[in-house]
Protein backbone atom coordinates (compact mmCIF):
# COMPACT_ATOMS: atom_id res chain seq x y z
CA MET A 1 164.84 227.17 37.19
CA TYR A 2 163.24 227.71 33.80
CA ASP A 3 159.62 228.53 32.98
CA ILE A 4 158.35 227.33 29.62
CA GLN A 5 155.18 228.69 28.04
CA PHE A 6 153.67 226.71 25.20
CA TRP A 7 150.47 226.94 23.22
CA LYS A 8 148.84 225.97 19.96
CA ALA A 9 149.57 228.64 17.36
CA VAL A 10 145.86 228.92 16.58
CA ALA A 11 144.94 229.41 20.27
CA PRO A 12 147.43 231.80 21.94
CA GLU A 13 144.89 232.58 24.66
CA GLU A 14 145.28 228.97 25.92
CA LYS A 15 148.91 229.21 27.08
CA ARG A 16 150.18 226.50 29.39
CA MET A 17 153.20 226.71 31.65
CA ARG A 18 155.79 224.20 32.79
CA SER A 19 158.71 224.78 35.16
CA THR A 20 161.90 222.73 35.27
CA THR A 21 165.41 222.85 36.64
CA GLU A 22 166.71 220.87 33.64
CA ARG A 23 168.19 222.44 30.52
CA LYS A 24 166.12 220.13 28.31
CA THR A 25 162.67 218.61 28.62
CA VAL A 26 160.29 216.36 26.72
CA PHE A 27 156.78 217.37 25.76
CA ALA A 28 154.41 214.43 25.39
CA ASN A 29 150.77 214.18 24.34
CA LEU A 30 150.87 217.08 21.89
CA ASP A 31 148.41 217.00 19.01
CA ASP A 32 149.75 215.70 15.69
CA ASN A 33 149.89 218.04 12.70
CA THR A 34 149.55 221.05 14.99
CA GLU A 35 151.87 224.03 15.23
CA TYR A 36 152.94 224.92 18.77
CA LYS A 37 154.77 228.00 20.00
CA PHE A 38 157.30 227.94 22.85
CA SER A 39 158.95 230.63 24.94
CA VAL A 40 161.37 230.25 27.88
CA ARG A 41 162.56 232.46 30.74
CA ALA A 42 164.95 231.96 33.63
CA ASN A 43 163.87 232.24 37.24
CA THR A 44 166.70 233.00 39.70
CA ARG A 45 167.15 234.49 43.18
CA LYS A 46 167.07 237.89 41.51
CA GLY A 47 163.71 237.24 39.89
CA TYR A 48 162.41 236.40 36.44
CA GLY A 49 164.29 237.06 33.25
CA PRO A 50 162.57 238.18 30.04
CA TRP A 51 160.68 235.70 27.90
CA SER A 52 162.70 234.39 24.95
CA THR A 53 161.72 234.94 21.36
CA GLN A 54 158.88 232.59 20.45
CA VAL A 55 159.85 229.47 18.56
CA GLY A 56 157.30 227.50 16.57
CA CYS A 57 157.28 223.91 15.36
CA SER A 58 154.80 221.30 14.25
CA PHE A 59 154.47 217.76 15.51
CA PRO A 60 155.42 215.12 14.85
CA TYR A 61 158.84 216.71 14.44
CA ILE A 62 161.05 214.11 12.80
CA LEU A 63 164.72 214.52 12.05
CA GLU A 64 165.82 212.55 9.03
CA GLU A 65 169.29 211.06 8.92
CA LYS A 66 171.33 211.78 5.81
């Protein structure tokens, strides 16, 4: 299982958490033109792993084809 923390960059005190068994997930209903930070950790029989390095991105995040 994976725990995912995410929060608006301007409001780190308002962290939210999501857990999943999948290696990828979709985040919906995020505010446009807002930077979010994400951090992930594994949760196994042996306990919790360390939180990953924080990654930030703004939404909408659009990949352009070249």
